[in-house]
ModelCIF file with pLDDT and N, C-alpha, C, O atoms, coordinates in Angstrom:
data_MODEL
#
_entry.id   MODEL 
#
_entity.id                         1 
_entity.type                       polymer 
_entity.pdbx_number_of_molecules   1 
#
_entity_poly.entity_id                      1 
_entity_poly.type                           'polypeptide(L)' 
_entity_poly.nstd_linkage                   no 
_entity_poly.nstd_monomer                   no 
_entity_poly.pdbx_seq_one_letter_code       EKEFDFAATYSYVNTARMTTSRGRYCEGYKLLNKHKGSITS 
_entity_poly.pdbx_seq_one_letter_code_can   EKEFDFAATYSYVNTARMTTSRGRYCEGYKLLNKHKGSITS 
_entity_poly.pdbx_strand_id                 A 
#
loop_
_entity_poly_seq.entity_id 
_entity_poly_seq.num 
_entity_poly_seq.mon_id 
_entity_poly_seq.hetero 
1 1  GLU n 
1 2  LYS n 
1 3  GLU n 
1 4  PHE n 
1 5  ASP n 
1 6  PHE n 
1 7  ALA n 
1 8  ALA n 
1 9  THR n 
1 10 TYR n 
1 11 SER n 
1 12 TYR n 
1 13 VAL n 
1 14 ASN n 
1 15 THR n 
1 16 ALA n 
1 17 ARG n 
1 18 MET n 
1 19 THR n 
1 20 THR n 
1 21 SER n 
1 22 ARG n 
1 23 GLY n 
1 24 ARG n 
1 25 TYR n 
1 26 CYS n 
1 27 GLU n 
1 28 GLY n 
1 29 TYR n 
1 30 LYS n 
1 31 LEU n 
1 32 LEU n 
1 33 ASN n 
1 34 LYS n 
1 35 HIS n 
1 36 LYS n 
1 37 GLY n 
1 38 SER n 
1 39 ILE n 
1 40 THR n 
1 41 SER n 
#
_struct_asym.id          A 
_struct_asym.entity_id   1 
#
loop_
_ma_qa_metric.id 
_ma_qa_metric.mode 
_ma_qa_metric.name 
_ma_qa_metric.software_group_id 
_ma_qa_metric.type 
1 global pLDDT . pLDDT 
2 local  pLDDT . pLDDT 
#
_ma_qa_metric_global.metric_id      1 
_ma_qa_metric_global.metric_value   83.83 
_ma_qa_metric_global.model_id       1 
_ma_qa_metric_global.ordinal_id     1 
#
loop_
_ma_qa_metric_local.label_asym_id 
_ma_qa_metric_local.label_comp_id 
_ma_qa_metric_local.label_seq_id 
_ma_qa_metric_local.metric_id 
_ma_qa_metric_local.metric_value 
_ma_qa_metric_local.model_id 
_ma_qa_metric_local.ordinal_id 
A GLU 1  2 96.00 1 1  
A LYS 2  2 96.00 1 2  
A GLU 3  2 97.00 1 3  
A PHE 4  2 97.00 1 4  
A ASP 5  2 95.00 1 5  
A PHE 6  2 96.00 1 6  
A ALA 7  2 93.00 1 7  
A ALA 8  2 91.00 1 8  
A THR 9  2 95.00 1 9  
A TYR 10 2 92.00 1 10 
A SER 11 2 85.00 1 11 
A TYR 12 2 68.00 1 12 
A VAL 13 2 59.00 1 13 
A ASN 14 2 60.00 1 14 
A THR 15 2 55.00 1 15 
A ALA 16 2 54.00 1 16 
A ARG 17 2 56.00 1 17 
A MET 18 2 54.00 1 18 
A THR 19 2 55.00 1 19 
A THR 20 2 56.00 1 20 
A SER 21 2 62.00 1 21 
A ARG 22 2 68.00 1 22 
A GLY 23 2 80.00 1 23 
A ARG 24 2 84.00 1 24 
A TYR 25 2 87.00 1 25 
A CYS 26 2 90.00 1 26 
A GLU 27 2 92.00 1 27 
A GLY 28 2 93.00 1 28 
A TYR 29 2 92.00 1 29 
A LYS 30 2 94.00 1 30 
A LEU 31 2 95.00 1 31 
A LEU 32 2 96.00 1 32 
A ASN 33 2 95.00 1 33 
A LYS 34 2 95.00 1 34 
A HIS 35 2 95.00 1 35 
A LYS 36 2 93.00 1 36 
A GLY 37 2 93.00 1 37 
A SER 38 2 95.00 1 38 
A ILE 39 2 96.00 1 39 
A THR 40 2 96.00 1 40 
A SER 41 2 96.00 1 41 
#
loop_
_atom_site.group_PDB 
_atom_site.id 
_atom_site.type_symbol 
_atom_site.label_atom_id 
_atom_site.label_alt_id 
_atom_site.label_comp_id 
_atom_site.label_asym_id 
_atom_site.label_entity_id 
_atom_site.label_seq_id 
_atom_site.pdbx_PDB_ins_code 
_atom_site.Cartn_x 
_atom_site.Cartn_y 
_atom_site.Cartn_z 
_atom_site.occupancy 
_atom_site.B_iso_or_equiv 
_atom_site.pdbx_formal_charge 
_atom_site.auth_seq_id 
_atom_site.auth_comp_id 
_atom_site.auth_asym_id 
_atom_site.auth_atom_id 
_atom_site.pdbx_PDB_model_num 
ATOM 1   N N  . GLU A 1 1  ? 103.801 79.380  75.425  1.00 96.00 ? 1  GLU A N  1 
ATOM 2   C CA . GLU A 1 1  ? 105.194 78.967  75.572  1.00 96.00 ? 1  GLU A CA 1 
ATOM 3   C C  . GLU A 1 1  ? 105.901 79.725  76.696  1.00 96.00 ? 1  GLU A C  1 
ATOM 4   O O  . GLU A 1 1  ? 106.461 79.123  77.612  1.00 96.00 ? 1  GLU A O  1 
ATOM 5   N N  . LYS A 1 2  ? 105.865 81.050  76.611  1.00 96.00 ? 2  LYS A N  1 
ATOM 6   C CA . LYS A 1 2  ? 106.574 81.842  77.627  1.00 96.00 ? 2  LYS A CA 1 
ATOM 7   C C  . LYS A 1 2  ? 105.793 81.827  78.933  1.00 96.00 ? 2  LYS A C  1 
ATOM 8   O O  . LYS A 1 2  ? 104.614 81.472  78.963  1.00 96.00 ? 2  LYS A O  1 
ATOM 9   N N  . GLU A 1 3  ? 106.470 82.220  80.018  1.00 97.00 ? 3  GLU A N  1 
ATOM 10  C CA . GLU A 1 3  ? 105.834 82.240  81.329  1.00 97.00 ? 3  GLU A CA 1 
ATOM 11  C C  . GLU A 1 3  ? 104.603 83.148  81.291  1.00 97.00 ? 3  GLU A C  1 
ATOM 12  O O  . GLU A 1 3  ? 104.650 84.241  80.728  1.00 97.00 ? 3  GLU A O  1 
ATOM 13  N N  . PHE A 1 4  ? 103.512 82.695  81.886  1.00 97.00 ? 4  PHE A N  1 
ATOM 14  C CA . PHE A 1 4  ? 102.267 83.444  81.877  1.00 97.00 ? 4  PHE A CA 1 
ATOM 15  C C  . PHE A 1 4  ? 102.345 84.599  82.862  1.00 97.00 ? 4  PHE A C  1 
ATOM 16  O O  . PHE A 1 4  ? 102.697 84.401  84.025  1.00 97.00 ? 4  PHE A O  1 
ATOM 17  N N  . ASP A 1 5  ? 102.021 85.804  82.406  1.00 95.00 ? 5  ASP A N  1 
ATOM 18  C CA . ASP A 1 5  ? 102.022 87.030  83.203  1.00 95.00 ? 5  ASP A CA 1 
ATOM 19  C C  . ASP A 1 5  ? 100.626 87.623  83.093  1.00 95.00 ? 5  ASP A C  1 
ATOM 20  O O  . ASP A 1 5  ? 100.251 88.142  82.041  1.00 95.00 ? 5  ASP A O  1 
ATOM 21  N N  . PHE A 1 6  ? 99.852  87.549  84.178  1.00 96.00 ? 6  PHE A N  1 
ATOM 22  C CA . PHE A 1 6  ? 98.460  87.987  84.145  1.00 96.00 ? 6  PHE A CA 1 
ATOM 23  C C  . PHE A 1 6  ? 98.325  89.450  83.743  1.00 96.00 ? 6  PHE A C  1 
ATOM 24  O O  . PHE A 1 6  ? 97.568  89.766  82.824  1.00 96.00 ? 6  PHE A O  1 
ATOM 25  N N  . ALA A 1 7  ? 99.042  90.346  84.412  1.00 93.00 ? 7  ALA A N  1 
ATOM 26  C CA . ALA A 1 7  ? 98.924  91.779  84.122  1.00 93.00 ? 7  ALA A CA 1 
ATOM 27  C C  . ALA A 1 7  ? 99.334  92.090  82.688  1.00 93.00 ? 7  ALA A C  1 
ATOM 28  O O  . ALA A 1 7  ? 98.666  92.870  82.009  1.00 93.00 ? 7  ALA A O  1 
ATOM 29  N N  . ALA A 1 8  ? 100.412 91.496  82.228  1.00 91.00 ? 8  ALA A N  1 
ATOM 30  C CA . ALA A 1 8  ? 100.880 91.763  80.866  1.00 91.00 ? 8  ALA A CA 1 
ATOM 31  C C  . ALA A 1 8  ? 99.911  91.200  79.827  1.00 91.00 ? 8  ALA A C  1 
ATOM 32  O O  . ALA A 1 8  ? 99.748  91.780  78.754  1.00 91.00 ? 8  ALA A O  1 
ATOM 33  N N  . THR A 1 9  ? 99.276  90.089  80.135  1.00 95.00 ? 9  THR A N  1 
ATOM 34  C CA . THR A 1 9  ? 98.385  89.428  79.183  1.00 95.00 ? 9  THR A CA 1 
ATOM 35  C C  . THR A 1 9  ? 97.008  90.076  79.138  1.00 95.00 ? 9  THR A C  1 
ATOM 36  O O  . THR A 1 9  ? 96.437  90.234  78.059  1.00 95.00 ? 9  THR A O  1 
ATOM 37  N N  . TYR A 1 10 ? 96.471  90.449  80.283  1.00 92.00 ? 10 TYR A N  1 
ATOM 38  C CA . TYR A 1 10 ? 95.102  90.942  80.358  1.00 92.00 ? 10 TYR A CA 1 
ATOM 39  C C  . TYR A 1 10 ? 94.977  92.464  80.438  1.00 92.00 ? 10 TYR A C  1 
ATOM 40  O O  . TYR A 1 10 ? 93.869  92.971  80.610  1.00 92.00 ? 10 TYR A O  1 
ATOM 41  N N  . SER A 1 11 ? 96.071  93.197  80.319  1.00 85.00 ? 11 SER A N  1 
ATOM 42  C CA . SER A 1 11 ? 95.964  94.661  80.333  1.00 85.00 ? 11 SER A CA 1 
ATOM 43  C C  . SER A 1 11 ? 96.949  95.256  79.347  1.00 85.00 ? 11 SER A C  1 
ATOM 44  O O  . SER A 1 11 ? 97.768  94.557  78.751  1.00 85.00 ? 11 SER A O  1 
ATOM 45  N N  . TYR A 1 12 ? 96.848  96.553  79.194  1.00 68.00 ? 12 TYR A N  1 
ATOM 46  C CA . TYR A 1 12 ? 97.730  97.285  78.294  1.00 68.00 ? 12 TYR A CA 1 
ATOM 47  C C  . TYR A 1 12 ? 98.955  97.844  79.002  1.00 68.00 ? 12 TYR A C  1 
ATOM 48  O O  . TYR A 1 12 ? 99.811  98.449  78.358  1.00 68.00 ? 12 TYR A O  1 
ATOM 49  N N  . VAL A 1 13 ? 99.057  97.653  80.323  1.00 59.00 ? 13 VAL A N  1 
ATOM 50  C CA . VAL A 1 13 ? 100.140 98.237  81.110  1.00 59.00 ? 13 VAL A CA 1 
ATOM 51  C C  . VAL A 1 13 ? 101.424 97.427  80.934  1.00 59.00 ? 13 VAL A C  1 
ATOM 52  O O  . VAL A 1 13 ? 101.405 96.197  80.971  1.00 59.00 ? 13 VAL A O  1 
ATOM 53  N N  . ASN A 1 14 ? 102.527 98.126  80.745  1.00 60.00 ? 14 ASN A N  1 
ATOM 54  C CA . ASN A 1 14 ? 103.837 97.484  80.689  1.00 60.00 ? 14 ASN A CA 1 
ATOM 55  C C  . ASN A 1 14 ? 104.233 97.150  82.124  1.00 60.00 ? 14 ASN A C  1 
ATOM 56  O O  . ASN A 1 14 ? 104.543 98.045  82.911  1.00 60.00 ? 14 ASN A O  1 
ATOM 57  N N  . THR A 1 15 ? 104.222 95.864  82.463  1.00 55.00 ? 15 THR A N  1 
ATOM 58  C CA . THR A 1 15 ? 104.456 95.474  83.856  1.00 55.00 ? 15 THR A CA 1 
ATOM 59  C C  . THR A 1 15 ? 105.856 95.810  84.340  1.00 55.00 ? 15 THR A C  1 
ATOM 60  O O  . THR A 1 15 ? 106.071 95.928  85.546  1.00 55.00 ? 15 THR A O  1 
ATOM 61  N N  . ALA A 1 16 ? 106.800 95.966  83.450  1.00 54.00 ? 16 ALA A N  1 
ATOM 62  C CA . ALA A 1 16 ? 108.155 96.336  83.860  1.00 54.00 ? 16 ALA A CA 1 
ATOM 63  C C  . ALA A 1 16 ? 108.198 97.765  84.399  1.00 54.00 ? 16 ALA A C  1 
ATOM 64  O O  . ALA A 1 16 ? 109.118 98.120  85.135  1.00 54.00 ? 16 ALA A O  1 
ATOM 65  N N  . ARG A 1 17 ? 107.207 98.590  84.036  1.00 56.00 ? 17 ARG A N  1 
ATOM 66  C CA . ARG A 1 17 ? 107.190 99.994  84.441  1.00 56.00 ? 17 ARG A CA 1 
ATOM 67  C C  . ARG A 1 17 ? 106.217 100.281 85.580  1.00 56.00 ? 17 ARG A C  1 
ATOM 68  O O  . ARG A 1 17 ? 106.084 101.435 85.987  1.00 56.00 ? 17 ARG A O  1 
ATOM 69  N N  . MET A 1 18 ? 105.533 99.265  86.105  1.00 54.00 ? 18 MET A N  1 
ATOM 70  C CA . MET A 1 18 ? 104.485 99.488  87.106  1.00 54.00 ? 18 MET A CA 1 
ATOM 71  C C  . MET A 1 18 ? 104.973 100.255 88.327  1.00 54.00 ? 18 MET A C  1 
ATOM 72  O O  . MET A 1 18 ? 104.256 101.109 88.848  1.00 54.00 ? 18 MET A O  1 
ATOM 73  N N  . THR A 1 19 ? 106.171 99.962  88.784  1.00 55.00 ? 19 THR A N  1 
ATOM 74  C CA . THR A 1 19 ? 106.654 100.594 90.017  1.00 55.00 ? 19 THR A CA 1 
ATOM 75  C C  . THR A 1 19 ? 107.615 101.752 89.747  1.00 55.00 ? 19 THR A C  1 
ATOM 76  O O  . THR A 1 19 ? 108.227 102.276 90.678  1.00 55.00 ? 19 THR A O  1 
ATOM 77  N N  . THR A 1 20 ? 107.752 102.157 88.477  1.00 56.00 ? 20 THR A N  1 
ATOM 78  C CA . THR A 1 20 ? 108.652 103.269 88.167  1.00 56.00 ? 20 THR A CA 1 
ATOM 79  C C  . THR A 1 20 ? 107.952 104.434 87.489  1.00 56.00 ? 20 THR A C  1 
ATOM 80  O O  . THR A 1 20 ? 108.455 105.556 87.552  1.00 56.00 ? 20 THR A O  1 
ATOM 81  N N  . SER A 1 21 ? 106.812 104.216 86.842  1.00 62.00 ? 21 SER A N  1 
ATOM 82  C CA . SER A 1 21 ? 106.122 105.321 86.169  1.00 62.00 ? 21 SER A CA 1 
ATOM 83  C C  . SER A 1 21 ? 105.250 106.059 87.173  1.00 62.00 ? 21 SER A C  1 
ATOM 84  O O  . SER A 1 21 ? 104.733 105.462 88.116  1.00 62.00 ? 21 SER A O  1 
ATOM 85  N N  . ARG A 1 22 ? 105.092 107.347 86.966  1.00 68.00 ? 22 ARG A N  1 
ATOM 86  C CA . ARG A 1 22 ? 104.290 108.146 87.896  1.00 68.00 ? 22 ARG A CA 1 
ATOM 87  C C  . ARG A 1 22 ? 102.816 107.813 87.689  1.00 68.00 ? 22 ARG A C  1 
ATOM 88  O O  . ARG A 1 22 ? 102.281 107.978 86.593  1.00 68.00 ? 22 ARG A O  1 
ATOM 89  N N  . GLY A 1 23 ? 102.191 107.363 88.709  1.00 80.00 ? 23 GLY A N  1 
ATOM 90  C CA . GLY A 1 23 ? 100.774 107.014 88.692  1.00 80.00 ? 23 GLY A CA 1 
ATOM 91  C C  . GLY A 1 23 ? 100.378 106.587 90.088  1.00 80.00 ? 23 GLY A C  1 
ATOM 92  O O  . GLY A 1 23 ? 101.232 106.447 90.964  1.00 80.00 ? 23 GLY A O  1 
ATOM 93  N N  . ARG A 1 24 ? 99.095  106.381 90.300  1.00 84.00 ? 24 ARG A N  1 
ATOM 94  C CA . ARG A 1 24 ? 98.607  106.052 91.645  1.00 84.00 ? 24 ARG A CA 1 
ATOM 95  C C  . ARG A 1 24 ? 99.244  104.769 92.169  1.00 84.00 ? 24 ARG A C  1 
ATOM 96  O O  . ARG A 1 24 ? 99.649  104.713 93.330  1.00 84.00 ? 24 ARG A O  1 
ATOM 97  N N  . TYR A 1 25 ? 99.336  103.746 91.335  1.00 87.00 ? 25 TYR A N  1 
ATOM 98  C CA . TYR A 1 25 ? 99.909  102.482 91.807  1.00 87.00 ? 25 TYR A CA 1 
ATOM 99  C C  . TYR A 1 25 ? 101.366 102.687 92.223  1.00 87.00 ? 25 TYR A C  1 
ATOM 100 O O  . TYR A 1 25 ? 101.773 102.274 93.308  1.00 87.00 ? 25 TYR A O  1 
ATOM 101 N N  . CYS A 1 26 ? 102.126 103.313 91.371  1.00 90.00 ? 26 CYS A N  1 
ATOM 102 C CA . CYS A 1 26 ? 103.553 103.539 91.638  1.00 90.00 ? 26 CYS A CA 1 
ATOM 103 C C  . CYS A 1 26 ? 103.757 104.419 92.861  1.00 90.00 ? 26 CYS A C  1 
ATOM 104 O O  . CYS A 1 26 ? 104.610 104.130 93.700  1.00 90.00 ? 26 CYS A O  1 
ATOM 105 N N  . GLU A 1 27 ? 102.987 105.480 92.967  1.00 92.00 ? 27 GLU A N  1 
ATOM 106 C CA . GLU A 1 27 ? 103.130 106.391 94.108  1.00 92.00 ? 27 GLU A CA 1 
ATOM 107 C C  . GLU A 1 27 ? 102.737 105.701 95.412  1.00 92.00 ? 27 GLU A C  1 
ATOM 108 O O  . GLU A 1 27 ? 103.388 105.899 96.437  1.00 92.00 ? 27 GLU A O  1 
ATOM 109 N N  . GLY A 1 28 ? 101.677 104.892 95.379  1.00 93.00 ? 28 GLY A N  1 
ATOM 110 C CA . GLY A 1 28 ? 101.294 104.123 96.565  1.00 93.00 ? 28 GLY A CA 1 
ATOM 111 C C  . GLY A 1 28 ? 102.377 103.138 96.957  1.00 93.00 ? 28 GLY A C  1 
ATOM 112 O O  . GLY A 1 28 ? 102.680 102.969 98.138  1.00 93.00 ? 28 GLY A O  1 
ATOM 113 N N  . TYR A 1 29 ? 102.962 102.485 95.952  1.00 92.00 ? 29 TYR A N  1 
ATOM 114 C CA . TYR A 1 29 ? 104.055 101.537 96.172  1.00 92.00 ? 29 TYR A CA 1 
ATOM 115 C C  . TYR A 1 29 ? 105.229 102.228 96.869  1.00 92.00 ? 29 TYR A C  1 
ATOM 116 O O  . TYR A 1 29 ? 105.807 101.694 97.815  1.00 92.00 ? 29 TYR A O  1 
ATOM 117 N N  . LYS A 1 30 ? 105.570 103.422 96.384  1.00 94.00 ? 30 LYS A N  1 
ATOM 118 C CA . LYS A 1 30 ? 106.686 104.183 96.972  1.00 94.00 ? 30 LYS A CA 1 
ATOM 119 C C  . LYS A 1 30 ? 106.392 104.583 98.420  1.00 94.00 ? 30 LYS A C  1 
ATOM 120 O O  . LYS A 1 30 ? 107.237 104.427 99.301  1.00 94.00 ? 30 LYS A O  1 
ATOM 121 N N  . LEU A 1 31 ? 105.182 105.100 98.653  1.00 95.00 ? 31 LEU A N  1 
ATOM 122 C CA . LEU A 1 31 ? 104.832 105.545 100.012 1.00 95.00 ? 31 LEU A CA 1 
ATOM 123 C C  . LEU A 1 31 ? 104.791 104.365 100.984 1.00 95.00 ? 31 LEU A C  1 
ATOM 124 O O  . LEU A 1 31 ? 105.254 104.489 102.118 1.00 95.00 ? 31 LEU A O  1 
ATOM 125 N N  . LEU A 1 32 ? 104.249 103.234 100.564 1.00 96.00 ? 32 LEU A N  1 
ATOM 126 C CA . LEU A 1 32 ? 104.216 102.060 101.436 1.00 96.00 ? 32 LEU A CA 1 
ATOM 127 C C  . LEU A 1 32 ? 105.621 101.555 101.725 1.00 96.00 ? 32 LEU A C  1 
ATOM 128 O O  . LEU A 1 32 ? 105.934 101.207 102.864 1.00 96.00 ? 32 LEU A O  1 
ATOM 129 N N  . ASN A 1 33 ? 106.468 101.514 100.708 1.00 95.00 ? 33 ASN A N  1 
ATOM 130 C CA . ASN A 1 33 ? 107.835 101.030 100.913 1.00 95.00 ? 33 ASN A CA 1 
ATOM 131 C C  . ASN A 1 33 ? 108.675 101.985 101.749 1.00 95.00 ? 33 ASN A C  1 
ATOM 132 O O  . ASN A 1 33 ? 109.596 101.553 102.441 1.00 95.00 ? 33 ASN A O  1 
ATOM 133 N N  . LYS A 1 34 ? 108.371 103.266 101.693 1.00 95.00 ? 34 LYS A N  1 
ATOM 134 C CA . LYS A 1 34 ? 109.070 104.253 102.517 1.00 95.00 ? 34 LYS A CA 1 
ATOM 135 C C  . LYS A 1 34 ? 108.874 103.935 104.004 1.00 95.00 ? 34 LYS A C  1 
ATOM 136 O O  . LYS A 1 34 ? 109.768 104.174 104.816 1.00 95.00 ? 34 LYS A O  1 
ATOM 137 N N  . HIS A 1 35 ? 107.708 103.398 104.354 1.00 95.00 ? 35 HIS A N  1 
ATOM 138 C CA . HIS A 1 35 ? 107.380 103.115 105.755 1.00 95.00 ? 35 HIS A CA 1 
ATOM 139 C C  . HIS A 1 35 ? 107.370 101.615 106.064 1.00 95.00 ? 35 HIS A C  1 
ATOM 140 O O  . HIS A 1 35 ? 106.934 101.208 107.141 1.00 95.00 ? 35 HIS A O  1 
ATOM 141 N N  . LYS A 1 36 ? 107.844 100.800 105.130 1.00 93.00 ? 36 LYS A N  1 
ATOM 142 C CA . LYS A 1 36 ? 107.811 99.341  105.287 1.00 93.00 ? 36 LYS A CA 1 
ATOM 143 C C  . LYS A 1 36 ? 108.430 98.924  106.621 1.00 93.00 ? 36 LYS A C  1 
ATOM 144 O O  . LYS A 1 36 ? 109.531 99.349  106.970 1.00 93.00 ? 36 LYS A O  1 
ATOM 145 N N  . GLY A 1 37 ? 107.710 98.095  107.347 1.00 93.00 ? 37 GLY A N  1 
ATOM 146 C CA . GLY A 1 37 ? 108.191 97.620  108.635 1.00 93.00 ? 37 GLY A CA 1 
ATOM 147 C C  . GLY A 1 37 ? 107.756 98.474  109.808 1.00 93.00 ? 37 GLY A C  1 
ATOM 148 O O  . GLY A 1 37 ? 107.881 98.061  110.961 1.00 93.00 ? 37 GLY A O  1 
ATOM 149 N N  . SER A 1 38 ? 107.242 99.674  109.518 1.00 95.00 ? 38 SER A N  1 
ATOM 150 C CA . SER A 1 38 ? 106.823 100.556 110.615 1.00 95.00 ? 38 SER A CA 1 
ATOM 151 C C  . SER A 1 38 ? 105.506 101.261 110.293 1.00 95.00 ? 38 SER A C  1 
ATOM 152 O O  . SER A 1 38 ? 105.278 102.382 110.747 1.00 95.00 ? 38 SER A O  1 
ATOM 153 N N  . ILE A 1 39 ? 104.644 100.617 109.518 1.00 96.00 ? 39 ILE A N  1 
ATOM 154 C CA . ILE A 1 39 ? 103.373 101.232 109.148 1.00 96.00 ? 39 ILE A CA 1 
ATOM 155 C C  . ILE A 1 39 ? 102.399 101.126 110.319 1.00 96.00 ? 39 ILE A C  1 
ATOM 156 O O  . ILE A 1 39 ? 102.099 100.036 110.806 1.00 96.00 ? 39 ILE A O  1 
ATOM 157 N N  . THR A 1 40 ? 101.920 102.275 110.751 1.00 96.00 ? 40 THR A N  1 
ATOM 158 C CA . THR A 1 40 ? 100.898 102.345 111.792 1.00 96.00 ? 40 THR A CA 1 
ATOM 159 C C  . THR A 1 40 ? 99.593  102.777 111.135 1.00 96.00 ? 40 THR A C  1 
ATOM 160 O O  . THR A 1 40 ? 99.574  103.139 109.959 1.00 96.00 ? 40 THR A O  1 
ATOM 161 N N  . SER A 1 41 ? 98.513  102.738 111.891 1.00 96.00 ? 41 SER A N  1 
ATOM 162 C CA . SER A 1 41 ? 97.239  103.196 111.326 1.00 96.00 ? 41 SER A CA 1 
ATOM 163 C C  . SER A 1 41 ? 97.336  104.676 110.952 1.00 96.00 ? 41 SER A C  1 
ATOM 164 O O  . SER A 1 41 ? 96.367  105.253 110.459 1.00 96.00 ? 41 SER A O  1 
#
C-alpha cells in the first residue's frame, strides 16, 4: 500500500537517519557535499 522504499524494506537501517547519523555513509555524504560543484581528483 505505502510507497515502496528499497533501503527501508530490505535493510535494518532507518533511512530517515542515513545522512545524519555518524557512520561511513553519512561522513562520506558530508565530505562530498562540502565540496559539491568543485570536486577535483
